[in-house]
Amino acid sequence: MPLSFRPVVVALGVGVFAVAVASVSSSAVFAQANKAAPAAPAVAEPAMKEITLTEKQVQGVLAAYKDIDAVAAKLPDDQDTKPDPKVLKQLDDVAKKHGFASYDEYSDVIEAIGMVLAGVDPKTKTYVGPAAALKDQIAAVEADTKMSADDKKQALADLNEAAKDPGPAVTNKTNIELVLKNYDALSQALDDDE
């Protein structure tokens, strides 16, 4: 995988994680909206690949996420802007320091963890799948009386859009068990970045 910087997932909170994972398909919506304008052929988003996680990889993510986030903060916000090669090397160096072959491997592990987290019911800490988790999040937002009307409207719009294509369900039971075993630590680590 090229360093496309699948958004450094740890920069996202667990509460909106399902939306982030599902939003990978949003570029297809953007491409459709721009279909009328003549342009270069659209490049399809790479499909998320489900790798088999190891305990060592999960512990590596927990150890590396703060260091990775600090370096990733130096990346340009605009994905069309070419990142500084020195920053890319720093990302690789930090990933290697924490036991990964490269930043690409770290990203693959984050993606696999994210696929599981996107389908976890945070109340029961069980894997229910991304569609059910999104439905639960929609219900929670609808029931939230403390959220402003504008925030609620935006959150519901985002969640309903994500629910149209909630992303793939995880088929690797080992990944589910491993992420659930480390759910509290992973949730805390990801929530720290909000």
Protein backbone atom coordinates (compact mmCIF):
# COMPACT_ATOMS: atom_id res chain seq x y z
CA MET A 1 0.00 0.00 0.00
CA PRO A 2 1.40 3.41 -0.82
CA LEU A 3 1.57 5.90 1.99
CA SER A 4 -1.83 7.28 1.19
CA PHE A 5 -2.17 8.11 4.83
CA ARG A 6 -5.35 6.31 5.37
CA PRO A 7 -6.27 8.95 7.78
CA VAL A 8 -4.15 8.15 10.77
CA VAL A 9 -6.95 6.34 12.40
CA VAL A 10 -5.78 6.92 15.90
CA ALA A 11 -6.46 10.58 15.36
CA LEU A 12 -10.12 9.71 15.36
CA GLY A 13 -12.18 8.99 18.43
CA VAL A 14 -13.81 5.63 18.93
CA GLY A 15 -17.22 7.32 18.99
CA VAL A 16 -16.87 8.46 15.40
CA PHE A 17 -14.65 5.63 14.30
CA ALA A 18 -17.39 3.82 12.42
CA VAL A 19 -18.10 6.99 10.46
CA ALA A 20 -14.43 7.35 9.61
CA VAL A 21 -14.12 3.77 8.41
CA ALA A 22 -17.34 4.04 6.44
CA SER A 23 -16.29 7.37 4.95
CA VAL A 24 -13.63 5.65 2.89
CA SER A 25 -16.47 5.09 0.45
CA SER A 26 -17.39 8.78 0.51
CA SER A 27 -14.86 9.50 -2.20
CA ALA A 28 -17.09 7.49 -4.53
CA VAL A 29 -19.93 9.87 -3.69
CA PHE A 30 -17.63 12.82 -4.39
CA ALA A 31 -16.61 11.25 -7.68
CA GLN A 32 -20.26 10.80 -8.63
CA ALA A 33 -21.00 14.43 -7.82
CA ASN A 34 -18.19 15.50 -10.12
CA LYS A 35 -19.14 13.07 -12.88
CA ALA A 36 -20.56 15.82 -15.06
CA ALA A 37 -17.24 17.64 -15.20
CA PRO A 38 -14.74 16.18 -17.63
CA ALA A 39 -11.80 14.89 -15.70
CA ALA A 40 -9.25 12.15 -15.54
CA PRO A 41 -10.66 8.69 -14.87
CA ALA A 42 -11.51 8.18 -11.21
CA VAL A 43 -9.16 6.01 -9.25
CA ALA A 44 -10.99 3.50 -7.10
CA GLU A 45 -10.28 3.52 -3.38
CA PRO A 46 -8.29 0.46 -2.39
CA ALA A 47 -10.44 -2.06 -0.58
CA MET A 48 -9.74 -2.42 3.09
CA LYS A 49 -7.84 -5.60 3.64
CA GLU A 50 -8.38 -7.74 6.66
CA ILE A 51 -5.08 -9.02 8.00
CA THR A 52 -4.70 -11.38 10.92
CA LEU A 53 -3.62 -9.42 13.97
CA THR A 54 -1.19 -10.57 16.62
CA GLU A 55 -0.97 -9.55 20.26
CA LYS A 56 2.46 -8.09 19.50
CA GLN A 57 0.97 -5.83 16.80
CA VAL A 58 -1.82 -4.60 19.07
CA GLN A 59 0.67 -3.87 21.84
CA GLY A 60 2.88 -2.12 19.26
CA VAL A 61 -0.02 0.15 18.28
CA LEU A 62 -0.69 0.96 21.92
CA ALA A 63 2.98 1.81 22.41
CA ALA A 64 3.38 3.74 19.14
CA TYR A 65 0.21 5.76 18.67
CA LYS A 66 1.35 8.89 20.54
CA ASP A 67 4.69 8.97 18.72
CA ILE A 68 3.02 8.32 15.35
CA ASP A 69 0.43 11.03 16.00
CA ALA A 70 3.14 13.55 16.87
CA VAL A 71 4.90 12.94 13.56
CA ALA A 72 1.66 12.66 11.55
CA ALA A 73 0.68 16.12 12.81
CA LYS A 74 3.45 17.45 10.56
CA LEU A 75 1.73 16.07 7.44
CA PRO A 76 -0.18 18.48 5.20
CA ASP A 77 -3.94 18.46 5.70
CA ASP A 78 -4.50 18.50 1.95
CA GLN A 79 -4.00 14.96 0.62
CA ASP A 80 -3.12 16.41 -2.78
CA THR A 81 -0.04 18.08 -1.30
CA LYS A 82 2.99 15.86 -1.44
CA PRO A 83 4.26 15.17 2.10
CA ASP A 84 7.81 15.99 3.09
CA PRO A 85 10.01 12.90 2.57
CA LYS A 86 11.65 13.61 5.93
CA VAL A 87 8.29 13.27 7.67
CA LEU A 88 7.61 10.03 5.81
CA LYS A 89 10.96 8.69 6.97
CA GLN A 90 10.14 9.76 10.54
CA LEU A 91 6.86 7.82 10.34
CA ASP A 92 8.73 4.73 9.16
CA ASP A 93 11.36 5.18 11.88
CA VAL A 94 8.75 5.48 14.64
CA ALA A 95 6.86 2.46 13.34
CA LYS A 96 10.10 0.43 13.22
CA LYS A 97 10.99 1.56 16.75
CA HIS A 98 7.75 -0.07 17.92
CA GLY A 99 8.24 -3.37 16.12
CA PHE A 100 6.63 -2.74 12.73
CA ALA A 101 8.42 -3.30 9.44
CA SER A 102 7.26 0.12 8.23
CA TYR A 103 4.59 2.76 8.60
CA ASP A 104 2.64 0.85 5.93
CA GLU A 105 2.48 -2.19 8.21
CA TYR A 106 1.43 0.02 11.13
CA SER A 107 -1.35 1.48 8.94
CA ASP A 108 -2.53 -2.01 7.95
CA VAL A 109 -2.71 -3.01 11.62
CA ILE A 110 -4.57 0.19 12.52
CA GLU A 111 -7.00 -0.50 9.69
CA ALA A 112 -7.63 -4.05 10.89
CA ILE A 113 -8.19 -2.82 14.45
CA GLY A 114 -10.49 -0.11 13.12
CA MET A 115 -12.55 -2.62 11.18
CA VAL A 116 -13.27 -4.45 14.42
CA LEU A 117 -13.83 -1.30 16.48
CA ALA A 118 -16.32 -0.04 13.89
CA GLY A 119 -18.52 -3.01 14.74
CA VAL A 120 -18.21 -3.05 18.53
CA ASP A 121 -21.09 -2.04 20.76
CA PRO A 122 -19.30 0.07 23.39
CA LYS A 123 -21.96 -0.66 26.03
CA THR A 124 -21.72 -4.43 25.86
CA LYS A 125 -18.19 -4.57 24.44
CA THR A 126 -19.29 -7.20 21.97
CA TYR A 127 -18.82 -7.31 18.24
CA VAL A 128 -22.16 -6.69 16.52
CA GLY A 129 -20.94 -5.63 13.08
CA PRO A 130 -20.63 -2.16 11.57
CA ALA A 131 -24.26 -1.86 10.43
CA ALA A 132 -25.66 -2.63 13.89
CA ALA A 133 -23.09 -0.38 15.57
CA LEU A 134 -24.09 2.51 13.30
CA LYS A 135 -27.78 1.93 14.06
CA ASP A 136 -26.96 2.07 17.77
CA GLN A 137 -24.99 5.29 17.29
CA ILE A 138 -27.87 6.84 15.35
CA ALA A 139 -30.30 5.91 18.13
CA ALA A 140 -27.95 7.35 20.76
CA VAL A 141 -27.61 10.66 18.89
CA GLU A 142 -31.37 10.86 18.36
CA ALA A 143 -31.92 10.29 22.10
CA ASP A 144 -29.24 12.79 23.20
CA THR A 145 -30.96 15.78 24.77
CA LYS A 146 -27.72 17.63 25.56
CA MET A 147 -26.49 17.90 21.97
CA SER A 148 -27.25 21.13 20.13
CA ALA A 149 -29.73 20.90 17.27
CA ASP A 150 -27.06 21.80 14.71
CA ASP A 151 -24.58 19.26 16.08
CA LYS A 152 -27.30 16.59 16.21
CA LYS A 153 -28.35 17.34 12.63
CA GLN A 154 -24.75 17.10 11.38
CA ALA A 155 -24.02 13.94 13.37
CA LEU A 156 -27.18 12.26 12.10
CA ALA A 157 -26.40 13.27 8.53
CA ASP A 158 -22.89 11.80 8.84
CA LEU A 159 -24.10 8.62 10.52
CA ASN A 160 -26.96 8.11 8.05
CA GLU A 161 -24.54 8.58 5.15
CA ALA A 162 -22.17 6.06 6.71
CA ALA A 163 -25.07 3.65 7.27
CA LYS A 164 -25.65 3.51 3.51
CA ASP A 165 -22.35 1.62 3.21
CA PRO A 166 -21.26 0.63 6.73
CA GLY A 167 -18.18 -1.18 5.56
CA PRO A 168 -17.26 -4.82 5.65
CA ALA A 169 -18.00 -7.03 8.60
CA VAL A 170 -14.95 -8.64 10.13
CA THR A 171 -14.71 -12.33 9.34
CA ASN A 172 -11.51 -13.06 11.23
CA LYS A 173 -12.67 -14.18 14.67
CA THR A 174 -9.10 -14.00 16.01
CA ASN A 175 -9.04 -10.25 15.27
CA ILE A 176 -12.36 -9.76 17.03
CA GLU A 177 -11.19 -11.65 20.12
CA LEU A 178 -7.87 -9.78 20.22
CA VAL A 179 -9.42 -6.32 19.85
CA LEU A 180 -12.13 -7.10 22.41
CA LYS A 181 -9.47 -8.36 24.82
CA ASN A 182 -7.68 -5.01 24.44
CA TYR A 183 -10.84 -2.93 23.93
CA ASP A 184 -10.46 -0.68 26.96
CA ALA A 185 -6.82 0.15 26.21
CA LEU A 186 -7.51 0.72 22.51
CA SER A 187 -10.58 2.84 23.26
CA GLN A 188 -8.67 4.95 25.73
CA ALA A 189 -5.74 5.37 23.35
CA LEU A 190 -8.01 6.40 20.50
CA ASP A 191 -10.14 8.68 22.67
CA ASP A 192 -7.00 10.45 23.94
CA ASP A 193 -6.55 11.83 20.44
CA GLU A 194 -9.84 13.69 20.26
